[in-house]
Amino acid sequence: MIIFGTRGYLYQLAVLTLVCGWCGNPAAHTLRKRVTKFTLFFVPLFPFSTKYATQCTFCGGEQKIPKEQADQLLAQHLASQDGNPFGQAQQPGYAQGGQNPYQN
């Protein structure tokens, strides 16, 4: 007996601020990558489908986009964050130009 099938994986690549095509509000949108892999005996072997989409966090509207557009949005996001996908690096407890409250 051979057991085979598919399994889906959802990756959140970035959170972007865009104007929604559904509701028209400037809101946060998640950039997502959905990969479907072929499985044999419940072991994922290779991907056979990859799709990209953005979803508005305000209204929930989802728009499928091509890979080229997803790569462009991700590159713009990373460039605006100086290569840091988690935003600007800041020291905890510091005000700009202030003293370190943790030093003696």
C-alpha atoms as a PDB file:
ATOM      1  CA  MET A   1       0.000   0.000   0.000  1.00  0.00           C
ATOM      2  CA  ILE A   2       1.377   3.417  -1.023  1.00  0.00           C
ATOM      3  CA  ILE A   3       0.108   6.507   0.763  1.00  0.00           C
ATOM      4  CA  PHE A   4       0.515   9.785  -1.123  1.00  0.00           C
ATOM      5  CA  GLY A   5      -1.117  13.201  -1.197  1.00  0.00           C
ATOM      6  CA  THR A   6      -0.454  16.916  -0.787  1.00  0.00           C
ATOM      7  CA  ARG A   7       0.185  19.274   2.072  1.00  0.00           C
ATOM      8  CA  GLY A   8      -0.043  23.061   2.111  1.00  0.00           C
ATOM      9  CA  TYR A   9       2.319  25.474   3.833  1.00  0.00           C
ATOM     10  CA  LEU A  10       1.593  29.163   4.432  1.00  0.00           C
ATOM     11  CA  TYR A  11       4.471  31.595   4.979  1.00  0.00           C
ATOM     12  CA  GLN A  12       4.042  35.234   6.027  1.00  0.00           C
ATOM     13  CA  LEU A  13       6.791  37.150   4.235  1.00  0.00           C
ATOM     14  CA  ALA A  14       6.117  40.734   5.363  1.00  0.00           C
ATOM     15  CA  VAL A  15       3.573  43.217   6.654  1.00  0.00           C
ATOM     16  CA  LEU A  16       3.212  46.175   4.284  1.00  0.00           C
ATOM     17  CA  THR A  17       1.207  49.396   4.388  1.00  0.00           C
ATOM     18  CA  LEU A  18      -0.781  49.615   1.145  1.00  0.00           C
ATOM     19  CA  VAL A  19      -4.037  51.123  -0.087  1.00  0.00           C
ATOM     20  CA  CYS A  20      -6.556  48.296  -0.234  1.00  0.00           C
ATOM     21  CA  GLY A  21      -8.110  47.545  -3.617  1.00  0.00           C
ATOM     22  CA  TRP A  22     -11.279  46.267  -1.927  1.00  0.00           C
ATOM     23  CA  CYS A  23     -12.113  48.867   0.748  1.00  0.00           C
ATOM     24  CA  GLY A  24      -9.871  51.765  -0.384  1.00  0.00           C
ATOM     25  CA  ASN A  25      -8.344  52.266   3.085  1.00  0.00           C
ATOM     26  CA  PRO A  26      -4.598  52.634   3.662  1.00  0.00           C
ATOM     27  CA  ALA A  27      -4.013  49.664   5.940  1.00  0.00           C
ATOM     28  CA  ALA A  28      -1.525  46.962   6.820  1.00  0.00           C
ATOM     29  CA  HIS A  29      -1.427  44.061   4.358  1.00  0.00           C
ATOM     30  CA  THR A  30       0.235  40.710   4.930  1.00  0.00           C
ATOM     31  CA  LEU A  31       2.323  39.380   2.048  1.00  0.00           C
ATOM     32  CA  ARG A  32       1.886  35.597   2.038  1.00  0.00           C
ATOM     33  CA  LYS A  33       3.374  32.680   0.140  1.00  0.00           C
ATOM     34  CA  ARG A  34       1.357  29.444  -0.146  1.00  0.00           C
ATOM     35  CA  VAL A  35       3.334  26.334  -1.133  1.00  0.00           C
ATOM     36  CA  THR A  36       1.682  22.981  -1.895  1.00  0.00           C
ATOM     37  CA  LYS A  37       4.004  19.955  -1.671  1.00  0.00           C
ATOM     38  CA  PHE A  38       3.595  16.390  -2.859  1.00  0.00           C
ATOM     39  CA  THR A  39       3.871  13.900   0.015  1.00  0.00           C
ATOM     40  CA  LEU A  40       4.731  10.208   0.070  1.00  0.00           C
ATOM     41  CA  PHE A  41       4.036   8.349   3.320  1.00  0.00           C
ATOM     42  CA  PHE A  42       3.353  11.769   4.944  1.00  0.00           C
ATOM     43  CA  VAL A  43       6.857  13.033   4.034  1.00  0.00           C
ATOM     44  CA  PRO A  44       6.828  16.231   1.926  1.00  0.00           C
ATOM     45  CA  LEU A  45       9.025  15.606  -1.121  1.00  0.00           C
ATOM     46  CA  PHE A  46       8.817  18.523  -3.556  1.00  0.00           C
ATOM     47  CA  PRO A  47       6.717  21.640  -4.135  1.00  0.00           C
ATOM     48  CA  PHE A  48       4.449  21.620  -7.171  1.00  0.00           C
ATOM     49  CA  SER A  49       2.485  24.832  -6.602  1.00  0.00           C
ATOM     50  CA  THR A  50       3.559  28.219  -5.232  1.00  0.00           C
ATOM     51  CA  LYS A  51       1.160  31.170  -5.036  1.00  0.00           C
ATOM     52  CA  TYR A  52       1.488  34.674  -3.593  1.00  0.00           C
ATOM     53  CA  ALA A  53      -1.207  36.969  -2.174  1.00  0.00           C
ATOM     54  CA  THR A  54      -1.715  40.081  -0.080  1.00  0.00           C
ATOM     55  CA  GLN A  55      -4.476  40.308   2.521  1.00  0.00           C
ATOM     56  CA  CYS A  56      -5.851  43.516   4.012  1.00  0.00           C
ATOM     57  CA  THR A  57      -5.967  43.509   7.810  1.00  0.00           C
ATOM     58  CA  PHE A  58      -8.787  46.083   7.781  1.00  0.00           C
ATOM     59  CA  CYS A  59     -11.418  44.362   5.615  1.00  0.00           C
ATOM     60  CA  GLY A  60      -9.887  40.905   5.073  1.00  0.00           C
ATOM     61  CA  GLY A  61      -9.858  41.253   1.278  1.00  0.00           C
ATOM     62  CA  GLU A  62      -7.282  39.047  -0.419  1.00  0.00           C
ATOM     63  CA  GLN A  63      -5.641  39.678  -3.773  1.00  0.00           C
ATOM     64  CA  LYS A  64      -3.509  37.117  -5.606  1.00  0.00           C
ATOM     65  CA  ILE A  65      -0.367  38.572  -7.140  1.00  0.00           C
ATOM     66  CA  PRO A  66       2.327  37.188  -9.464  1.00  0.00           C
ATOM     67  CA  LYS A  67       5.723  36.118  -8.105  1.00  0.00           C
ATOM     68  CA  GLU A  68       7.474  39.102  -9.733  1.00  0.00           C
ATOM     69  CA  GLN A  69       5.215  41.585  -7.927  1.00  0.00           C
ATOM     70  CA  ALA A  70       5.660  39.737  -4.618  1.00  0.00           C
ATOM     71  CA  ASP A  71       9.452  39.838  -5.037  1.00  0.00           C
ATOM     72  CA  GLN A  72       9.276  43.563  -5.822  1.00  0.00           C
ATOM     73  CA  LEU A  73       7.105  44.325  -2.757  1.00  0.00           C
ATOM     74  CA  LEU A  74       9.405  42.281  -0.519  1.00  0.00           C
ATOM     75  CA  ALA A  75      12.510  44.027  -1.886  1.00  0.00           C
ATOM     76  CA  GLN A  76      10.934  47.450  -1.304  1.00  0.00           C
ATOM     77  CA  HIS A  77       9.976  46.435   2.234  1.00  0.00           C
ATOM     78  CA  LEU A  78      13.475  45.190   3.048  1.00  0.00           C
ATOM     79  CA  ALA A  79      15.059  48.323   1.539  1.00  0.00           C
ATOM     80  CA  SER A  80      12.838  50.563   3.676  1.00  0.00           C
ATOM     81  CA  GLN A  81      13.855  48.578   6.776  1.00  0.00           C
ATOM     82  CA  ASP A  82      17.608  48.706   5.918  1.00  0.00           C
ATOM     83  CA  GLY A  83      17.649  44.937   5.475  1.00  0.00           C
ATOM     84  CA  ASN A  84      16.133  44.297   8.902  1.00  0.00           C
ATOM     85  CA  PRO A  85      12.816  42.426   8.462  1.00  0.00           C
ATOM     86  CA  PHE A  86      11.777  43.295  12.041  1.00  0.00           C
ATOM     87  CA  GLY A  87      11.888  47.078  11.697  1.00  0.00           C
ATOM     88  CA  GLN A  88      14.341  49.597  13.048  1.00  0.00           C
ATOM     89  CA  ALA A  89      16.879  48.399  15.566  1.00  0.00           C
ATOM     90  CA  GLN A  90      16.527  50.210  18.885  1.00  0.00           C
ATOM     91  CA  GLN A  91      18.089  49.675  22.272  1.00  0.00           C
ATOM     92  CA  PRO A  92      15.499  48.951  24.974  1.00  0.00           C
ATOM     93  CA  GLY A  93      15.003  51.761  27.465  1.00  0.00           C
ATOM     94  CA  TYR A  94      16.896  54.370  25.444  1.00  0.00           C
ATOM     95  CA  ALA A  95      15.572  57.716  24.345  1.00  0.00           C
ATOM     96  CA  GLN A  96      17.433  59.193  21.416  1.00  0.00           C
ATOM     97  CA  GLY A  97      20.453  60.967  22.815  1.00  0.00           C
ATOM     98  CA  GLY A  98      19.604  59.762  26.315  1.00  0.00           C
ATOM     99  CA  GLN A  99      21.587  57.826  28.887  1.00  0.00           C
ATOM    100  CA  ASN A 100      21.584  54.068  29.253  1.00  0.00           C
ATOM    101  CA  PRO A 101      19.448  53.400  32.355  1.00  0.00           C
ATOM    102  CA  TYR A 102      21.067  49.962  32.757  1.00  0.00           C
ATOM    103  CA  GLN A 103      24.658  51.179  33.178  1.00  0.00           C
ATOM    104  CA  ASN A 104      26.068  51.946  36.592  1.00  0.00           C
END
